[in-house]
Amino acid sequence: MTSAFAGGGGQRSLPVPDGLDGMRLDQAVSRLFGLSRTAAAALVDAGDALVDGVARPNSHKVKAGSWLEVTLPAPPAPPTVVPQAVPGLRVVYADDDIVVVDKPVGVAAHPSPGWTGPTVIGALAAIGHRISTSGAAERQGVVHRLDVGTTGVMVVAKSEHAYSALKRAFKYRDVEKRYHAVVQGHLDPLRGTVDAPIDRHPTHDYRWAVVSGGKPSITHYDTLEAFPAASLLDVRLETGRTHQIRVHLSTLRHPCVGDLTYGADPTLSARLRLDRQWLHARELSFLHPRTGEQVRFVSDYPDDLERALRILRD
């Protein structure tokens, strides 16, 4: 539910709608004002959500028609691109239209609220790549993303023409995205497809989940190598939802090794000396937006993932 009130801070007063009758106060505030459950709960805890003029706890069940007075925080300043050299980020290919990078772990695709670490866009700015496309300044040129904890190959558009062409190619699934993942256990069957909708987790703001009514999400996998406790998979995405591979593999009860957010075994993660998910964007293939020729880029495993594989093979 998107709220018309979510755009700015200040005080808001309105009656509780019939549809929210009996709902917890924090959940009602979240739904009405477009806030996350965590942000809504913090607001209630601070006494900034009054029911009929009285501060109530998060667990209070609101009644239809009760008067709700909420003081919303001022919206955060929009994130900005800060040129910053990123050790380990390698430019694989660049021309006037695109730049392809091999992204290391711990780097976000672009600036976002709450993220203070390095970004691909900031790194490109630091080494002189000019991104000239429309859209929000902090996301210019970004046509797809990799999680902060996921390494591998990623393309950024440098020209307006390339941006439009690549956005369209990703939307219509004309880009081949292949990942390698090491997951716990052995999948049965060894190759298959997961077709399950994904959306935000109903109770955890930072997680995603397979939920009824979510966005269509399709993941194909094939087992490349099996170890006593894990398997190396080749994964091909048809869609590109946030955390898609991690969510789908966790749903199969074979989470990525090291992915504690989605249920990985911490003991195995420690044995493999992993502090992030074993997931790597191995290959990216698409038609070059200017020449129309097929281009293909491949990324080698970084040191931490290679080391974990050696331990599994020993």
C-alpha atoms as a PDB file:
ATOM      1  CA  MET A   1       0.000   0.000   0.000  1.00  0.00           C
ATOM      2  CA  THR A   2       1.450   3.363  -1.026  1.00  0.00           C
ATOM      3  CA  SER A   3       0.407   6.388   0.992  1.00  0.00           C
ATOM      4  CA  ALA A   4      -0.174   9.895  -0.224  1.00  0.00           C
ATOM      5  CA  PHE A   5       1.368  11.052   3.047  1.00  0.00           C
ATOM      6  CA  ALA A   6       4.756   9.398   2.522  1.00  0.00           C
ATOM      7  CA  GLY A   7       6.372  12.323   0.716  1.00  0.00           C
ATOM      8  CA  GLY A   8       7.271  14.607   3.638  1.00  0.00           C
ATOM      9  CA  GLY A   9       7.419  15.191   7.372  1.00  0.00           C
ATOM     10  CA  GLY A  10       5.080  17.114   9.663  1.00  0.00           C
ATOM     11  CA  GLN A  11       1.875  16.366  11.513  1.00  0.00           C
ATOM     12  CA  ARG A  12      -1.000  14.353  10.048  1.00  0.00           C
ATOM     13  CA  SER A  13      -4.440  13.760  11.572  1.00  0.00           C
ATOM     14  CA  LEU A  14      -7.103  11.397  10.229  1.00  0.00           C
ATOM     15  CA  PRO A  15      -9.657   8.844  11.374  1.00  0.00           C
ATOM     16  CA  VAL A  16      -8.760   5.146  11.305  1.00  0.00           C
ATOM     17  CA  PRO A  17     -10.404   3.653   8.168  1.00  0.00           C
ATOM     18  CA  ASP A  18     -12.832   0.744   8.514  1.00  0.00           C
ATOM     19  CA  GLY A  19     -10.381  -1.552   6.746  1.00  0.00           C
ATOM     20  CA  LEU A  20      -7.815  -1.174   9.541  1.00  0.00           C
ATOM     21  CA  ASP A  21     -10.219  -1.888  12.414  1.00  0.00           C
ATOM     22  CA  GLY A  22      -8.572  -4.222  14.947  1.00  0.00           C
ATOM     23  CA  MET A  23      -5.068  -3.810  13.487  1.00  0.00           C
ATOM     24  CA  ARG A  24      -2.002  -3.219  15.686  1.00  0.00           C
ATOM     25  CA  LEU A  25      -1.098   0.450  15.979  1.00  0.00           C
ATOM     26  CA  ASP A  26       2.372   0.084  14.452  1.00  0.00           C
ATOM     27  CA  GLN A  27       0.947  -1.884  11.532  1.00  0.00           C
ATOM     28  CA  ALA A  28      -1.819   0.680  10.991  1.00  0.00           C
ATOM     29  CA  VAL A  29       0.689   3.543  10.990  1.00  0.00           C
ATOM     30  CA  SER A  30       2.867   1.582   8.544  1.00  0.00           C
ATOM     31  CA  ARG A  31      -0.032   0.994   6.155  1.00  0.00           C
ATOM     32  CA  LEU A  32      -1.473   4.508   6.346  1.00  0.00           C
ATOM     33  CA  PHE A  33       1.730   6.465   5.928  1.00  0.00           C
ATOM     34  CA  GLY A  34       3.831   4.214   3.701  1.00  0.00           C
ATOM     35  CA  LEU A  35       6.432   3.516   6.394  1.00  0.00           C
ATOM     36  CA  SER A  36       8.289   0.281   7.100  1.00  0.00           C
ATOM     37  CA  ARG A  37       7.086  -1.652  10.149  1.00  0.00           C
ATOM     38  CA  THR A  38      10.385  -0.849  11.879  1.00  0.00           C
ATOM     39  CA  ALA A  39      10.040   2.894  11.224  1.00  0.00           C
ATOM     40  CA  ALA A  40       6.386   2.862  12.307  1.00  0.00           C
ATOM     41  CA  ALA A  41       7.225   1.024  15.548  1.00  0.00           C
ATOM     42  CA  ALA A  42       9.996   3.509  16.339  1.00  0.00           C
ATOM     43  CA  LEU A  43       7.593   6.384  15.721  1.00  0.00           C
ATOM     44  CA  VAL A  44       5.002   4.869  18.088  1.00  0.00           C
ATOM     45  CA  ASP A  45       7.680   4.178  20.735  1.00  0.00           C
ATOM     46  CA  ALA A  46       8.719   7.836  20.563  1.00  0.00           C
ATOM     47  CA  GLY A  47       5.172   8.948  21.352  1.00  0.00           C
ATOM     48  CA  ASP A  48       4.669  10.417  17.879  1.00  0.00           C
ATOM     49  CA  ALA A  49       1.466   8.472  17.157  1.00  0.00           C
ATOM     50  CA  LEU A  50      -1.546   9.374  19.319  1.00  0.00           C
ATOM     51  CA  VAL A  51      -4.892   7.574  19.310  1.00  0.00           C
ATOM     52  CA  ASP A  52      -7.685   9.930  20.374  1.00  0.00           C
ATOM     53  CA  GLY A  53      -5.018  12.160  21.897  1.00  0.00           C
ATOM     54  CA  VAL A  54      -3.359   9.403  23.949  1.00  0.00           C
ATOM     55  CA  ALA A  55       0.006   7.672  23.359  1.00  0.00           C
ATOM     56  CA  ARG A  56      -0.478   3.915  23.016  1.00  0.00           C
ATOM     57  CA  PRO A  57       1.935   0.955  22.709  1.00  0.00           C
ATOM     58  CA  ASN A  58       2.664  -0.738  19.380  1.00  0.00           C
ATOM     59  CA  SER A  59       0.421  -3.659  20.318  1.00  0.00           C
ATOM     60  CA  HIS A  60      -2.653  -1.438  20.821  1.00  0.00           C
ATOM     61  CA  LYS A  61      -5.514  -2.510  18.530  1.00  0.00           C
ATOM     62  CA  VAL A  62      -6.961   0.506  16.752  1.00  0.00           C
ATOM     63  CA  LYS A  63     -10.694   0.946  16.205  1.00  0.00           C
ATOM     64  CA  ALA A  64     -12.346   2.297  13.082  1.00  0.00           C
ATOM     65  CA  GLY A  65     -13.208   5.968  13.539  1.00  0.00           C
ATOM     66  CA  SER A  66     -10.633   6.588  16.256  1.00  0.00           C
ATOM     67  CA  TRP A  67      -8.659   9.759  15.621  1.00  0.00           C
ATOM     68  CA  LEU A  68      -5.018   9.174  14.751  1.00  0.00           C
ATOM     69  CA  GLU A  69      -2.467  11.995  15.106  1.00  0.00           C
ATOM     70  CA  VAL A  70       0.978  11.193  13.747  1.00  0.00           C
ATOM     71  CA  THR A  71       4.116  13.349  13.597  1.00  0.00           C
ATOM     72  CA  LEU A  72       6.133  12.138  10.631  1.00  0.00           C
ATOM     73  CA  PRO A  73       9.899  12.642  10.480  1.00  0.00           C
ATOM     74  CA  ALA A  74      11.360  14.919   7.839  1.00  0.00           C
ATOM     75  CA  PRO A  75      12.307  12.980   4.714  1.00  0.00           C
ATOM     76  CA  PRO A  76      16.018  12.180   4.463  1.00  0.00           C
ATOM     77  CA  ALA A  77      18.144  14.183   2.055  1.00  0.00           C
ATOM     78  CA  PRO A  78      18.481  12.437  -1.297  1.00  0.00           C
ATOM     79  CA  PRO A  79      21.677  10.413  -1.589  1.00  0.00           C
ATOM     80  CA  THR A  80      24.452  11.872  -3.719  1.00  0.00           C
ATOM     81  CA  VAL A  81      27.241  10.350  -5.766  1.00  0.00           C
ATOM     82  CA  VAL A  82      30.615  10.745  -4.043  1.00  0.00           C
ATOM     83  CA  PRO A  83      33.592   9.935  -6.293  1.00  0.00           C
ATOM     84  CA  GLN A  84      35.543   7.295  -4.384  1.00  0.00           C
ATOM     85  CA  ALA A  85      38.201   4.897  -5.599  1.00  0.00           C
ATOM     86  CA  VAL A  86      37.249   1.285  -4.824  1.00  0.00           C
ATOM     87  CA  PRO A  87      40.120  -1.184  -4.403  1.00  0.00           C
ATOM     88  CA  GLY A  88      39.425  -4.387  -6.295  1.00  0.00           C
ATOM     89  CA  LEU A  89      36.823  -2.925  -8.669  1.00  0.00           C
ATOM     90  CA  ARG A  90      38.015  -3.700 -12.182  1.00  0.00           C
ATOM     91  CA  VAL A  91      36.804  -2.201 -15.452  1.00  0.00           C
ATOM     92  CA  VAL A  92      36.412  -5.134 -17.844  1.00  0.00           C
ATOM     93  CA  TYR A  93      35.319  -3.130 -20.874  1.00  0.00           C
ATOM     94  CA  ALA A  94      34.421   0.473 -21.676  1.00  0.00           C
ATOM     95  CA  ASP A  95      33.408   2.555 -24.686  1.00  0.00           C
ATOM     96  CA  ASP A  96      31.249   5.654 -25.242  1.00  0.00           C
ATOM     97  CA  ASP A  97      28.029   3.741 -24.483  1.00  0.00           C
ATOM     98  CA  ILE A  98      28.715   1.185 -21.762  1.00  0.00           C
ATOM     99  CA  VAL A  99      31.170   0.299 -19.028  1.00  0.00           C
ATOM    100  CA  VAL A 100      31.358  -3.239 -17.669  1.00  0.00           C
ATOM    101  CA  VAL A 101      32.848  -3.759 -14.225  1.00  0.00           C
ATOM    102  CA  ASP A 102      33.855  -6.711 -12.076  1.00  0.00           C
ATOM    103  CA  LYS A 103      32.352  -5.719  -8.720  1.00  0.00           C
ATOM    104  CA  PRO A 104      34.059  -6.769  -5.476  1.00  0.00           C
ATOM    105  CA  VAL A 105      32.233  -7.630  -2.266  1.00  0.00           C
ATOM    106  CA  GLY A 106      31.088  -4.778  -0.023  1.00  0.00           C
ATOM    107  CA  VAL A 107      30.196  -2.399  -2.839  1.00  0.00           C
ATOM    108  CA  ALA A 108      26.652  -1.207  -3.638  1.00  0.00           C
ATOM    109  CA  ALA A 109      25.500  -0.499  -7.191  1.00  0.00           C
ATOM    110  CA  HIS A 110      24.559   3.106  -6.379  1.00  0.00           C
ATOM    111  CA  PRO A 111      24.024   5.412  -3.362  1.00  0.00           C
ATOM    112  CA  SER A 112      20.865   4.831  -1.341  1.00  0.00           C
ATOM    113  CA  PRO A 113      19.446   6.009   2.014  1.00  0.00           C
ATOM    114  CA  GLY A 114      21.297   4.393   4.893  1.00  0.00           C
ATOM    115  CA  TRP A 115      24.245   3.177   2.805  1.00  0.00           C
ATOM    116  CA  THR A 116      27.533   4.941   3.556  1.00  0.00           C
ATOM    117  CA  GLY A 117      29.921   2.506   1.884  1.00  0.00           C
ATOM    118  CA  PRO A 118      31.474   2.539  -1.601  1.00  0.00           C
ATOM    119  CA  THR A 119      29.396   2.316  -4.792  1.00  0.00           C
ATOM    120  CA  VAL A 120      29.982   1.309  -8.392  1.00  0.00           C
ATOM    121  CA  ILE A 121      28.744   4.720  -9.602  1.00  0.00           C
ATOM    122  CA  GLY A 122      31.074   6.525  -7.196  1.00  0.00           C
ATOM    123  CA  ALA A 123      34.014   4.363  -8.275  1.00  0.00           C
ATOM    124  CA  LEU A 124      33.358   5.075 -11.958  1.00  0.00           C
ATOM    125  CA  ALA A 125      33.169   8.805 -11.247  1.00  0.00           C
ATOM    126  CA  ALA A 126      36.507   8.615  -9.417  1.00  0.00           C
ATOM    127  CA  ILE A 127      38.269   7.108 -12.438  1.00  0.00           C
ATOM    128  CA  GLY A 128      36.752   9.520 -14.939  1.00  0.00           C
ATOM    129  CA  HIS A 129      33.823   7.682 -16.496  1.00  0.00           C
ATOM    130  CA  ARG A 130      31.083  10.206 -17.302  1.00  0.00           C
ATOM    131  CA  ILE A 131      27.571   8.800 -17.024  1.00  0.00           C
ATOM    132  CA  SER A 132      25.093  10.840 -19.087  1.00  0.00           C
ATOM    133  CA  THR A 133      21.631   9.395 -18.679  1.00  0.00           C
ATOM    134  CA  SER A 134      18.263  10.413 -17.302  1.00  0.00           C
ATOM    135  CA  GLY A 135      16.804   9.322 -13.990  1.00  0.00           C
ATOM    136  CA  ALA A 136      17.690  10.112 -10.401  1.00  0.00           C
ATOM    137  CA  ALA A 137      21.235  11.470 -10.193  1.00  0.00           C
ATOM    138  CA  GLU A 138      22.451   8.786  -7.781  1.00  0.00           C
ATOM    139  CA  ARG A 139      21.217   5.969 -10.061  1.00  0.00           C
ATOM    140  CA  GLN A 140      22.238   7.329 -13.453  1.00  0.00           C
ATOM    141  CA  GLY A 141      23.293   4.580 -15.806  1.00  0.00           C
ATOM    142  CA  VAL A 142      22.266   1.728 -13.508  1.00  0.00           C
ATOM    143  CA  VAL A 143      20.196  -0.794 -15.503  1.00  0.00           C
ATOM    144  CA  HIS A 144      20.593  -3.730 -13.086  1.00  0.00           C
ATOM    145  CA  ARG A 145      22.053  -4.290  -9.647  1.00  0.00           C
ATOM    146  CA  LEU A 146      24.092  -6.765  -7.644  1.00  0.00           C
ATOM    147  CA  ASP A 147      23.668  -7.099  -3.871  1.00  0.00           C
ATOM    148  CA  VAL A 148      26.399  -5.543  -1.726  1.00  0.00           C
ATOM    149  CA  GLY A 149      27.472  -9.060  -0.734  1.00  0.00           C
ATOM    150  CA  THR A 150      27.411 -10.456  -4.282  1.00  0.00           C
ATOM    151  CA  THR A 151      30.447 -10.169  -6.564  1.00  0.00           C
ATOM    152  CA  GLY A 152      30.825 -10.322 -10.314  1.00  0.00           C
ATOM    153  CA  VAL A 153      30.134  -8.735 -13.652  1.00  0.00           C
ATOM    154  CA  MET A 154      27.795  -5.743 -14.037  1.00  0.00           C
ATOM    155  CA  VAL A 155      27.095  -3.286 -16.879  1.00  0.00           C
ATOM    156  CA  VAL A 156      26.429   0.448 -16.518  1.00  0.00           C
ATOM    157  CA  ALA A 157      25.081   2.606 -19.356  1.00  0.00           C
ATOM    158  CA  LYS A 158      27.103   5.721 -20.182  1.00  0.00           C
ATOM    159  CA  SER A 159      24.887   7.227 -22.912  1.00  0.00           C
ATOM    160  CA  GLU A 160      21.165   7.954 -23.028  1.00  0.00           C
ATOM    161  CA  HIS A 161      20.802   5.627 -26.016  1.00  0.00           C
ATOM    162  CA  ALA A 162      22.519   2.759 -24.199  1.00  0.00           C
ATOM    163  CA  TYR A 163      20.459   3.347 -21.061  1.00  0.00           C
ATOM    164  CA  SER A 164      17.165   3.102 -22.953  1.00  0.00           C
ATOM    165  CA  ALA A 165      18.279   0.092 -24.989  1.00  0.00           C
ATOM    166  CA  LEU A 166      19.617  -1.858 -22.004  1.00  0.00           C
ATOM    167  CA  LYS A 167      16.622  -1.071 -19.783  1.00  0.00           C
ATOM    168  CA  ARG A 168      14.426  -2.434 -22.539  1.00  0.00           C
ATOM    169  CA  ALA A 169      16.633  -5.513 -22.996  1.00  0.00           C
ATOM    170  CA  PHE A 170      16.512  -6.329 -19.271  1.00  0.00           C
ATOM    171  CA  LYS A 171      12.747  -5.734 -19.151  1.00  0.00           C
ATOM    172  CA  TYR A 172      12.074  -8.090 -22.057  1.00  0.00           C
ATOM    173  CA  ARG A 173      14.594 -10.693 -20.839  1.00  0.00           C
ATOM    174  CA  ASP A 174      16.956 -10.276 -23.790  1.00  0.00           C
ATOM    175  CA  VAL A 175      19.979 -10.298 -21.480  1.00  0.00           C
ATOM    176  CA  GLU A 176      21.496 -13.583 -20.353  1.00  0.00           C
ATOM    177  CA  LYS A 177      22.530 -13.436 -16.689  1.00  0.00           C
ATOM    178  CA  ARG A 178      24.380 -16.436 -15.295  1.00  0.00           C
ATOM    179  CA  TYR A 179      25.467 -16.804 -11.701  1.00  0.00           C
ATOM    180  CA  HIS A 180      27.411 -19.481  -9.870  1.00  0.00           C
ATOM    181  CA  ALA A 181      26.239 -20.367  -6.361  1.00  0.00           C
ATOM    182  CA  VAL A 182      27.393 -22.863  -3.769  1.00  0.00           C
ATOM    183  CA  VAL A 183      24.391 -24.119  -1.824  1.00  0.00           C
ATOM    184  CA  GLN A 184      23.947 -26.426   1.125  1.00  0.00           C
ATOM    185  CA  GLY A 185      23.169 -30.053   0.357  1.00  0.00           C
ATOM    186  CA  HIS A 186      22.212 -31.638  -2.977  1.00  0.00           C
ATOM    187  CA  LEU A 187      19.249 -30.545  -5.055  1.00  0.00           C
ATOM    188  CA  ASP A 188      16.736 -33.104  -6.291  1.00  0.00           C
ATOM    189  CA  PRO A 189      16.360 -32.916  -9.242  1.00  0.00           C
ATOM    190  CA  LEU A 190      19.917 -31.878 -10.068  1.00  0.00           C
ATOM    191  CA  ARG A 191      18.605 -29.341 -12.574  1.00  0.00           C
ATOM    192  CA  GLY A 192      15.303 -27.543 -12.566  1.00  0.00           C
ATOM    193  CA  THR A 193      13.328 -24.304 -12.502  1.00  0.00           C
ATOM    194  CA  VAL A 194      11.871 -22.322  -9.623  1.00  0.00           C
ATOM    195  CA  ASP A 195       8.824 -20.287 -10.663  1.00  0.00           C
ATOM    196  CA  ALA A 196       7.581 -18.532  -7.518  1.00  0.00           C
ATOM    197  CA  PRO A 197       6.522 -14.880  -6.937  1.00  0.00           C
ATOM    198  CA  ILE A 198       8.718 -12.671  -4.761  1.00  0.00           C
ATOM    199  CA  ASP A 199       7.945  -9.572  -2.733  1.00  0.00           C
ATOM    200  CA  ARG A 200       9.033  -7.981   0.544  1.00  0.00           C
ATOM    201  CA  HIS A 201       9.003 -10.264   3.553  1.00  0.00           C
ATOM    202  CA  PRO A 202       5.811  -9.654   5.542  1.00  0.00           C
ATOM    203  CA  THR A 203       7.647  -9.162   8.858  1.00  0.00           C
ATOM    204  CA  HIS A 204      11.357  -8.519   8.102  1.00  0.00           C
ATOM    205  CA  ASP A 205      12.074  -5.200   6.366  1.00  0.00           C
ATOM    206  CA  TYR A 206      15.497  -6.219   5.082  1.00  0.00           C
ATOM    207  CA  ARG A 207      14.410  -9.566   3.633  1.00  0.00           C
ATOM    208  CA  TRP A 208      12.391 -10.740   0.653  1.00  0.00           C
ATOM    209  CA  ALA A 209      10.265 -13.865   0.378  1.00  0.00           C
ATOM    210  CA  VAL A 210       8.084 -16.029  -1.846  1.00  0.00           C
ATOM    211  CA  VAL A 211       4.635 -14.573  -1.243  1.00  0.00           C
ATOM    212  CA  SER A 212       1.262 -14.931  -2.910  1.00  0.00           C
ATOM    213  CA  GLY A 213       0.668 -11.944  -5.162  1.00  0.00           C
ATOM    214  CA  GLY A 214       4.369 -11.084  -5.448  1.00  0.00           C
ATOM    215  CA  LYS A 215       6.153 -10.237  -8.692  1.00  0.00           C
ATOM    216  CA  PRO A 216       6.670 -13.145 -11.119  1.00  0.00           C
ATOM    217  CA  SER A 217      10.153 -14.589 -10.581  1.00  0.00           C
ATOM    218  CA  ILE A 218      11.816 -17.416 -12.526  1.00  0.00           C
ATOM    219  CA  THR A 219      15.172 -19.040 -11.739  1.00  0.00           C
ATOM    220  CA  HIS A 220      16.786 -21.943 -13.649  1.00  0.00           C
ATOM    221  CA  TYR A 221      19.549 -23.967 -12.002  1.00  0.00           C
ATOM    222  CA  ASP A 222      21.897 -26.803 -13.000  1.00  0.00           C
ATOM    223  CA  THR A 223      24.276 -28.685 -10.680  1.00  0.00           C
ATOM    224  CA  LEU A 224      27.884 -28.389 -11.861  1.00  0.00           C
ATOM    225  CA  GLU A 225      29.662 -30.177  -9.020  1.00  0.00           C
ATOM    226  CA  ALA A 226      28.632 -31.951  -5.811  1.00  0.00           C
ATOM    227  CA  PHE A 227      30.583 -32.047  -2.542  1.00  0.00           C
ATOM    228  CA  PRO A 228      29.775 -34.004   0.640  1.00  0.00           C
ATOM    229  CA  ALA A 229      27.936 -31.057   2.212  1.00  0.00           C
ATOM    230  CA  ALA A 230      27.205 -28.704  -0.685  1.00  0.00           C
ATOM    231  CA  SER A 231      26.741 -28.234  -4.434  1.00  0.00           C
ATOM    232  CA  LEU A 232      28.063 -25.786  -7.003  1.00  0.00           C
ATOM    233  CA  LEU A 233      25.245 -24.538  -9.245  1.00  0.00           C
ATOM    234  CA  ASP A 234      25.036 -22.683 -12.524  1.00  0.00           C
ATOM    235  CA  VAL A 235      22.029 -20.353 -12.192  1.00  0.00           C
ATOM    236  CA  ARG A 236      20.280 -18.497 -15.005  1.00  0.00           C
ATOM    237  CA  LEU A 237      17.798 -15.748 -14.271  1.00  0.00           C
ATOM    238  CA  GLU A 238      14.784 -14.935 -16.409  1.00  0.00           C
ATOM    239  CA  THR A 239      13.716 -12.160 -14.053  1.00  0.00           C
ATOM    240  CA  GLY A 240      15.792  -9.926 -11.807  1.00  0.00           C
ATOM    241  CA  ARG A 241      14.040  -9.459  -8.483  1.00  0.00           C
ATOM    242  CA  THR A 242      15.870  -8.278  -5.384  1.00  0.00           C
ATOM    243  CA  HIS A 243      17.588 -11.252  -3.676  1.00  0.00           C
ATOM    244  CA  GLN A 244      15.900 -13.582  -6.221  1.00  0.00           C
ATOM    245  CA  ILE A 245      18.495 -16.371  -6.248  1.00  0.00           C
ATOM    246  CA  ARG A 246      18.951 -16.253  -2.485  1.00  0.00           C
ATOM    247  CA  VAL A 247      15.195 -16.369  -1.844  1.00  0.00           C
ATOM    248  CA  HIS A 248      14.445 -19.128  -4.348  1.00  0.00           C
ATOM    249  CA  LEU A 249      17.276 -21.396  -3.183  1.00  0.00           C
ATOM    250  CA  SER A 250      16.357 -20.825   0.451  1.00  0.00           C
ATOM    251  CA  THR A 251      12.752 -21.726  -0.397  1.00  0.00           C
ATOM    252  CA  LEU A 252      14.056 -25.057  -1.766  1.00  0.00           C
ATOM    253  CA  ARG A 253      15.809 -25.513   1.615  1.00  0.00           C
ATOM    254  CA  HIS A 254      19.203 -25.213  -0.066  1.00  0.00           C
ATOM    255  CA  PRO A 255      20.347 -21.691   0.889  1.00  0.00           C
ATOM    256  CA  CYS A 256      23.566 -20.248  -0.465  1.00  0.00           C
ATOM    257  CA  VAL A 257      26.436 -21.252   1.793  1.00  0.00           C
ATOM    258  CA  GLY A 258      27.319 -18.297   4.022  1.00  0.00           C
ATOM    259  CA  ASP A 259      23.935 -16.607   3.580  1.00  0.00           C
ATOM    260  CA  LEU A 260      22.901 -16.351   7.232  1.00  0.00           C
ATOM    261  CA  THR A 261      20.080 -13.934   6.315  1.00  0.00           C
ATOM    262  CA  TYR A 262      18.317 -16.730   4.433  1.00  0.00           C
ATOM    263  CA  GLY A 263      18.990 -19.675   6.708  1.00  0.00           C
ATOM    264  CA  ALA A 264      22.517 -20.880   5.963  1.00  0.00           C
ATOM    265  CA  ASP A 265      24.263 -23.045   8.569  1.00  0.00           C
ATOM    266  CA  PRO A 266      26.668 -20.788  10.510  1.00  0.00           C
ATOM    267  CA  THR A 267      28.916 -23.754  11.358  1.00  0.00           C
ATOM    268  CA  LEU A 268      29.521 -24.567   7.677  1.00  0.00           C
ATOM    269  CA  SER A 269      29.991 -20.857   6.906  1.00  0.00           C
ATOM    270  CA  ALA A 270      32.683 -20.651   9.592  1.00  0.00           C
ATOM    271  CA  ARG A 271      34.427 -23.796   8.308  1.00  0.00           C
ATOM    272  CA  LEU A 272      34.590 -22.281   4.828  1.00  0.00           C
ATOM    273  CA  ARG A 273      35.694 -18.906   6.300  1.00  0.00           C
ATOM    274  CA  LEU A 274      32.823 -17.107   4.598  1.00  0.00           C
ATOM    275  CA  ASP A 275      31.208 -13.964   5.960  1.00  0.00           C
ATOM    276  CA  ARG A 276      28.834 -13.516   3.001  1.00  0.00           C
ATOM    277  CA  GLN A 277      26.814 -15.618   0.592  1.00  0.00           C
ATOM    278  CA  TRP A 278      28.682 -17.788  -1.935  1.00  0.00           C
ATOM    279  CA  LEU A 279      27.070 -16.142  -4.961  1.00  0.00           C
ATOM    280  CA  HIS A 280      28.892 -14.726  -7.962  1.00  0.00           C
ATOM    281  CA  ALA A 281      27.630 -13.015 -11.138  1.00  0.00           C
ATOM    282  CA  ARG A 282      29.658 -15.194 -13.484  1.00  0.00           C
ATOM    283  CA  GLU A 283      28.542 -14.137 -16.956  1.00  0.00           C
ATOM    284  CA  LEU A 284      26.611 -11.362 -18.705  1.00  0.00           C
ATOM    285  CA  SER A 285      25.663 -11.484 -22.380  1.00  0.00           C
ATOM    286  CA  PHE A 286      23.611  -8.999 -24.436  1.00  0.00           C
ATOM    287  CA  LEU A 287      23.407  -7.143 -27.742  1.00  0.00           C
ATOM    288  CA  HIS A 288      25.620  -4.072 -27.705  1.00  0.00           C
ATOM    289  CA  PRO A 289      23.239  -1.079 -27.748  1.00  0.00           C
ATOM    290  CA  ARG A 290      25.204   0.720 -30.472  1.00  0.00           C
ATOM    291  CA  THR A 291      26.581  -2.004 -32.748  1.00  0.00           C
ATOM    292  CA  GLY A 292      23.907  -4.671 -32.280  1.00  0.00           C
ATOM    293  CA  GLU A 293      26.635  -7.299 -31.905  1.00  0.00           C
ATOM    294  CA  GLN A 294      26.439  -9.955 -29.194  1.00  0.00           C
ATOM    295  CA  VAL A 295      28.902  -9.238 -26.379  1.00  0.00           C
ATOM    296  CA  ARG A 296      29.776 -11.555 -23.504  1.00  0.00           C
ATOM    297  CA  PHE A 297      31.677 -10.864 -20.301  1.00  0.00           C
ATOM    298  CA  VAL A 298      32.891 -13.415 -17.741  1.00  0.00           C
ATOM    299  CA  SER A 299      34.171 -12.885 -14.208  1.00  0.00           C
ATOM    300  CA  ASP A 300      36.533 -15.208 -12.319  1.00  0.00           C
ATOM    301  CA  TYR A 301      35.776 -16.181  -8.731  1.00  0.00           C
ATOM    302  CA  PRO A 302      37.226 -13.790  -6.136  1.00  0.00           C
ATOM    303  CA  ASP A 303      39.684 -15.099  -3.562  1.00  0.00           C
ATOM    304  CA  ASP A 304      37.210 -15.778  -0.735  1.00  0.00           C
ATOM    305  CA  LEU A 305      34.889 -17.860  -2.928  1.00  0.00           C
ATOM    306  CA  GLU A 306      37.799 -19.725  -4.526  1.00  0.00           C
ATOM    307  CA  ARG A 307      39.183 -20.538  -1.072  1.00  0.00           C
ATOM    308  CA  ALA A 308      35.800 -21.893   0.076  1.00  0.00           C
ATOM    309  CA  LEU A 309      35.672 -24.179  -2.987  1.00  0.00           C
ATOM    310  CA  ARG A 310      39.145 -25.532  -2.221  1.00  0.00           C
ATOM    311  CA  ILE A 311      38.090 -26.362   1.336  1.00  0.00           C
ATOM    312  CA  LEU A 312      34.990 -28.175   0.037  1.00  0.00           C
ATOM    313  CA  ARG A 313      37.066 -30.171  -2.444  1.00  0.00           C
ATOM    314  CA  ASP A 314      39.719 -31.227   0.084  1.00  0.00           C
END
